[in-house]
Amino acid sequence: MLFLVDQESEETPSELWSSRSIEGDEEKEDINETVETSLGDASTSTKSFTPTPAKMRVKIDQQEELLTLACKRLHDTDNEYAKIASVWADELRKMSPTQMLFAKKAINDILFEGQMGTLHRHSIIINTPESAPLMDSSDQ
């Protein structure tokens, strides 16, 4: 029945409260002194790491510039040509290396004819019966 030792005291609740608060105040003072001492020691070492206002301003300007650029990129919508090119790139990645080369050549030929102003429906002919060489099934 040792747990009842505290209960057997003849002190009134108000006396218990006042004695505990006095003990608590003493503990608080000890803690405050410890904190002040450790803060006093730390403050001398942290002063050397404080950046100058000019360096801070440059850093803030760089951060603002990066944020502005990021916001601009988020608000810019891709145009239709960028989307088409992205789809074509995905399709090229699915091809074998040989087929990819043939596709790139055909695309470049079409772009060339378009830049020259000579592109029309029959300007590029792919796989004509007389010009198509026999190929392995692994290249197709």
C-alpha atoms as a PDB file:
ATOM      1  CA  MET A   1       0.000   0.000   0.000  1.00  0.00           C
ATOM      2  CA  LEU A   2       2.884   2.315  -0.625  1.00  0.00           C
ATOM      3  CA  PHE A   3       0.946   4.103  -3.358  1.00  0.00           C
ATOM      4  CA  LEU A   4      -1.293   5.623  -0.659  1.00  0.00           C
ATOM      5  CA  VAL A   5       1.583   7.352   1.125  1.00  0.00           C
ATOM      6  CA  ASP A   6       0.856  10.641  -0.653  1.00  0.00           C
ATOM      7  CA  GLN A   7      -2.811  10.346   0.237  1.00  0.00           C
ATOM      8  CA  GLU A   8      -2.189  10.023   3.967  1.00  0.00           C
ATOM      9  CA  SER A   9      -0.671  13.478   4.394  1.00  0.00           C
ATOM     10  CA  GLU A  10      -2.598  15.862   6.591  1.00  0.00           C
ATOM     11  CA  GLU A  11      -2.028  18.877   4.354  1.00  0.00           C
ATOM     12  CA  THR A  12      -5.055  20.562   2.862  1.00  0.00           C
ATOM     13  CA  PRO A  13      -5.327  20.758  -0.934  1.00  0.00           C
ATOM     14  CA  SER A  14      -4.448  24.470  -0.899  1.00  0.00           C
ATOM     15  CA  GLU A  15      -1.314  23.802   1.152  1.00  0.00           C
ATOM     16  CA  LEU A  16      -0.322  21.031  -1.241  1.00  0.00           C
ATOM     17  CA  TRP A  17      -0.872  23.330  -4.214  1.00  0.00           C
ATOM     18  CA  SER A  18       1.193  26.172  -2.769  1.00  0.00           C
ATOM     19  CA  SER A  19       4.091  23.908  -1.827  1.00  0.00           C
ATOM     20  CA  ARG A  20       4.091  22.327  -5.278  1.00  0.00           C
ATOM     21  CA  SER A  21       3.984  25.713  -7.000  1.00  0.00           C
ATOM     22  CA  ILE A  22       6.980  26.885  -4.969  1.00  0.00           C
ATOM     23  CA  GLU A  23       8.900  23.786  -6.035  1.00  0.00           C
ATOM     24  CA  GLY A  24       7.780  24.388  -9.619  1.00  0.00           C
ATOM     25  CA  ASP A  25       8.987  27.999  -9.501  1.00  0.00           C
ATOM     26  CA  GLU A  26      12.405  26.862  -8.327  1.00  0.00           C
ATOM     27  CA  GLU A  27      12.569  24.349 -11.169  1.00  0.00           C
ATOM     28  CA  LYS A  28      11.521  27.038 -13.667  1.00  0.00           C
ATOM     29  CA  GLU A  29      14.292  29.335 -12.453  1.00  0.00           C
ATOM     30  CA  ASP A  30      16.857  26.554 -12.872  1.00  0.00           C
ATOM     31  CA  ILE A  31      15.589  25.840 -16.377  1.00  0.00           C
ATOM     32  CA  ASN A  32      15.598  29.542 -17.316  1.00  0.00           C
ATOM     33  CA  GLU A  33      19.182  29.915 -16.115  1.00  0.00           C
ATOM     34  CA  THR A  34      20.220  26.884 -18.153  1.00  0.00           C
ATOM     35  CA  VAL A  35      18.477  28.200 -21.270  1.00  0.00           C
ATOM     36  CA  GLU A  36      19.970  31.680 -20.866  1.00  0.00           C
ATOM     37  CA  THR A  37      23.433  30.201 -20.443  1.00  0.00           C
ATOM     38  CA  SER A  38      23.124  27.994 -23.491  1.00  0.00           C
ATOM     39  CA  LEU A  39      21.598  30.822 -25.525  1.00  0.00           C
ATOM     40  CA  GLY A  40      24.377  33.147 -24.467  1.00  0.00           C
ATOM     41  CA  ASP A  41      26.973  30.664 -25.668  1.00  0.00           C
ATOM     42  CA  ALA A  42      25.154  29.990 -28.935  1.00  0.00           C
ATOM     43  CA  SER A  43      24.547  33.636 -29.782  1.00  0.00           C
ATOM     44  CA  THR A  44      28.235  34.369 -30.097  1.00  0.00           C
ATOM     45  CA  SER A  45      28.750  31.521 -32.538  1.00  0.00           C
ATOM     46  CA  THR A  46      25.693  32.299 -34.717  1.00  0.00           C
ATOM     47  CA  LYS A  47      26.593  35.928 -35.346  1.00  0.00           C
ATOM     48  CA  SER A  48      29.357  34.935 -37.735  1.00  0.00           C
ATOM     49  CA  PHE A  49      26.859  33.075 -39.990  1.00  0.00           C
ATOM     50  CA  THR A  50      24.498  36.011 -40.561  1.00  0.00           C
ATOM     51  CA  PRO A  51      24.593  36.959 -44.271  1.00  0.00           C
ATOM     52  CA  THR A  52      24.930  40.566 -45.291  1.00  0.00           C
ATOM     53  CA  PRO A  53      21.795  42.369 -46.524  1.00  0.00           C
ATOM     54  CA  ALA A  54      23.221  42.675 -50.054  1.00  0.00           C
ATOM     55  CA  LYS A  55      23.770  38.919 -50.308  1.00  0.00           C
ATOM     56  CA  MET A  56      20.297  38.267 -48.929  1.00  0.00           C
ATOM     57  CA  ARG A  57      18.755  40.635 -51.491  1.00  0.00           C
ATOM     58  CA  VAL A  58      20.570  38.917 -54.371  1.00  0.00           C
ATOM     59  CA  LYS A  59      19.385  35.532 -53.131  1.00  0.00           C
ATOM     60  CA  ILE A  60      15.795  36.778 -52.821  1.00  0.00           C
ATOM     61  CA  ASP A  61      15.960  38.286 -56.336  1.00  0.00           C
ATOM     62  CA  GLN A  62      17.169  34.960 -57.738  1.00  0.00           C
ATOM     63  CA  GLN A  63      14.373  33.092 -55.958  1.00  0.00           C
ATOM     64  CA  GLU A  64      11.763  35.538 -57.254  1.00  0.00           C
ATOM     65  CA  GLU A  65      13.119  35.178 -60.786  1.00  0.00           C
ATOM     66  CA  LEU A  66      12.905  31.383 -60.595  1.00  0.00           C
ATOM     67  CA  LEU A  67       9.367  31.534 -59.218  1.00  0.00           C
ATOM     68  CA  THR A  68       8.308  33.925 -61.974  1.00  0.00           C
ATOM     69  CA  LEU A  69       9.801  31.652 -64.633  1.00  0.00           C
ATOM     70  CA  ALA A  70       8.094  28.586 -63.126  1.00  0.00           C
ATOM     71  CA  CYS A  71       4.726  30.358 -63.071  1.00  0.00           C
ATOM     72  CA  LYS A  72       5.171  31.476 -66.675  1.00  0.00           C
ATOM     73  CA  ARG A  73       5.978  27.939 -67.808  1.00  0.00           C
ATOM     74  CA  LEU A  74       2.934  26.590 -65.972  1.00  0.00           C
ATOM     75  CA  HIS A  75       0.631  29.106 -67.637  1.00  0.00           C
ATOM     76  CA  ASP A  76       2.065  28.650 -71.140  1.00  0.00           C
ATOM     77  CA  THR A  77       0.078  26.093 -73.054  1.00  0.00           C
ATOM     78  CA  ASP A  78       1.798  23.850 -75.564  1.00  0.00           C
ATOM     79  CA  ASN A  79       0.847  24.614 -79.117  1.00  0.00           C
ATOM     80  CA  GLU A  80      -0.578  21.933 -81.371  1.00  0.00           C
ATOM     81  CA  TYR A  81       2.765  21.301 -83.101  1.00  0.00           C
ATOM     82  CA  ALA A  82       4.539  20.496 -79.846  1.00  0.00           C
ATOM     83  CA  LYS A  83       1.793  18.030 -78.965  1.00  0.00           C
ATOM     84  CA  ILE A  84       1.993  16.329 -82.368  1.00  0.00           C
ATOM     85  CA  ALA A  85       5.786  16.099 -82.125  1.00  0.00           C
ATOM     86  CA  SER A  86       5.471  14.534 -78.686  1.00  0.00           C
ATOM     87  CA  VAL A  87       3.107  11.871 -80.026  1.00  0.00           C
ATOM     88  CA  TRP A  88       5.437  11.175 -82.971  1.00  0.00           C
ATOM     89  CA  ALA A  89       8.383  10.827 -80.598  1.00  0.00           C
ATOM     90  CA  ASP A  90       6.449   8.256 -78.566  1.00  0.00           C
ATOM     91  CA  GLU A  91       5.625   6.317 -81.734  1.00  0.00           C
ATOM     92  CA  LEU A  92       9.273   6.379 -82.886  1.00  0.00           C
ATOM     93  CA  ARG A  93      10.407   4.968 -79.523  1.00  0.00           C
ATOM     94  CA  LYS A  94       8.206   1.908 -80.111  1.00  0.00           C
ATOM     95  CA  MET A  95       9.979   1.046 -83.400  1.00  0.00           C
ATOM     96  CA  SER A  96      13.010  -1.111 -83.988  1.00  0.00           C
ATOM     97  CA  PRO A  97      16.197   0.872 -84.701  1.00  0.00           C
ATOM     98  CA  THR A  98      16.068   0.135 -88.452  1.00  0.00           C
ATOM     99  CA  GLN A  99      12.417   1.096 -88.791  1.00  0.00           C
ATOM    100  CA  MET A 100      13.106   4.236 -86.771  1.00  0.00           C
ATOM    101  CA  LEU A 101      15.786   5.293 -89.271  1.00  0.00           C
ATOM    102  CA  PHE A 102      13.439   4.791 -92.222  1.00  0.00           C
ATOM    103  CA  ALA A 103      10.682   6.757 -90.482  1.00  0.00           C
ATOM    104  CA  LYS A 104      13.050   9.622 -89.642  1.00  0.00           C
ATOM    105  CA  LYS A 105      14.241   9.754 -93.252  1.00  0.00           C
ATOM    106  CA  ALA A 106      10.678   9.884 -94.601  1.00  0.00           C
ATOM    107  CA  ILE A 107       9.702  12.600 -92.118  1.00  0.00           C
ATOM    108  CA  ASN A 108      12.795  14.648 -92.999  1.00  0.00           C
ATOM    109  CA  ASP A 109      12.109  14.247 -96.732  1.00  0.00           C
ATOM    110  CA  ILE A 110       8.556  15.499 -96.267  1.00  0.00           C
ATOM    111  CA  LEU A 111       9.720  18.475 -94.188  1.00  0.00           C
ATOM    112  CA  PHE A 112      12.356  19.299 -96.819  1.00  0.00           C
ATOM    113  CA  GLU A 113       9.807  19.275 -99.665  1.00  0.00           C
ATOM    114  CA  GLY A 114       7.500  21.456 -97.588  1.00  0.00           C
ATOM    115  CA  GLN A 115      10.241  24.001 -96.909  1.00  0.00           C
ATOM    116  CA  MET A 116      11.105  24.091-100.604  1.00  0.00           C
ATOM    117  CA  GLY A 117       7.474  24.674-101.496  1.00  0.00           C
ATOM    118  CA  THR A 118       7.292  21.538-103.629  1.00  0.00           C
ATOM    119  CA  LEU A 119       5.227  19.365-101.301  1.00  0.00           C
ATOM    120  CA  HIS A 120       2.034  17.958-102.772  1.00  0.00           C
ATOM    121  CA  ARG A 121       0.012  14.785-102.400  1.00  0.00           C
ATOM    122  CA  HIS A 122       2.318  12.660-104.600  1.00  0.00           C
ATOM    123  CA  SER A 123       5.684  14.312-103.893  1.00  0.00           C
ATOM    124  CA  ILE A 124       6.967  11.556-101.590  1.00  0.00           C
ATOM    125  CA  ILE A 125       6.307   7.958-102.533  1.00  0.00           C
ATOM    126  CA  ILE A 126       7.051   5.257 -99.987  1.00  0.00           C
ATOM    127  CA  ASN A 127       7.138   1.535-100.810  1.00  0.00           C
ATOM    128  CA  THR A 128       6.581   1.545-104.554  1.00  0.00           C
ATOM    129  CA  PRO A 129       6.398  -2.004-105.924  1.00  0.00           C
ATOM    130  CA  GLU A 130       9.405  -1.648-108.229  1.00  0.00           C
ATOM    131  CA  SER A 131      11.666   0.139-105.706  1.00  0.00           C
ATOM    132  CA  ALA A 132      10.931  -1.846-102.544  1.00  0.00           C
ATOM    133  CA  PRO A 133      13.862  -4.157-101.734  1.00  0.00           C
ATOM    134  CA  LEU A 134      13.283  -7.529-100.172  1.00  0.00           C
ATOM    135  CA  MET A 135      13.753  -7.296 -96.420  1.00  0.00           C
ATOM    136  CA  ASP A 136      13.997  -9.664 -93.495  1.00  0.00           C
ATOM    137  CA  SER A 137      10.887  -9.965 -91.374  1.00  0.00           C
ATOM    138  CA  SER A 138      12.954  -8.779 -88.382  1.00  0.00           C
ATOM    139  CA  ASP A 139      13.404  -5.302 -89.941  1.00  0.00           C
ATOM    140  CA  GLN A 140       9.695  -4.690 -90.424  1.00  0.00           C
END
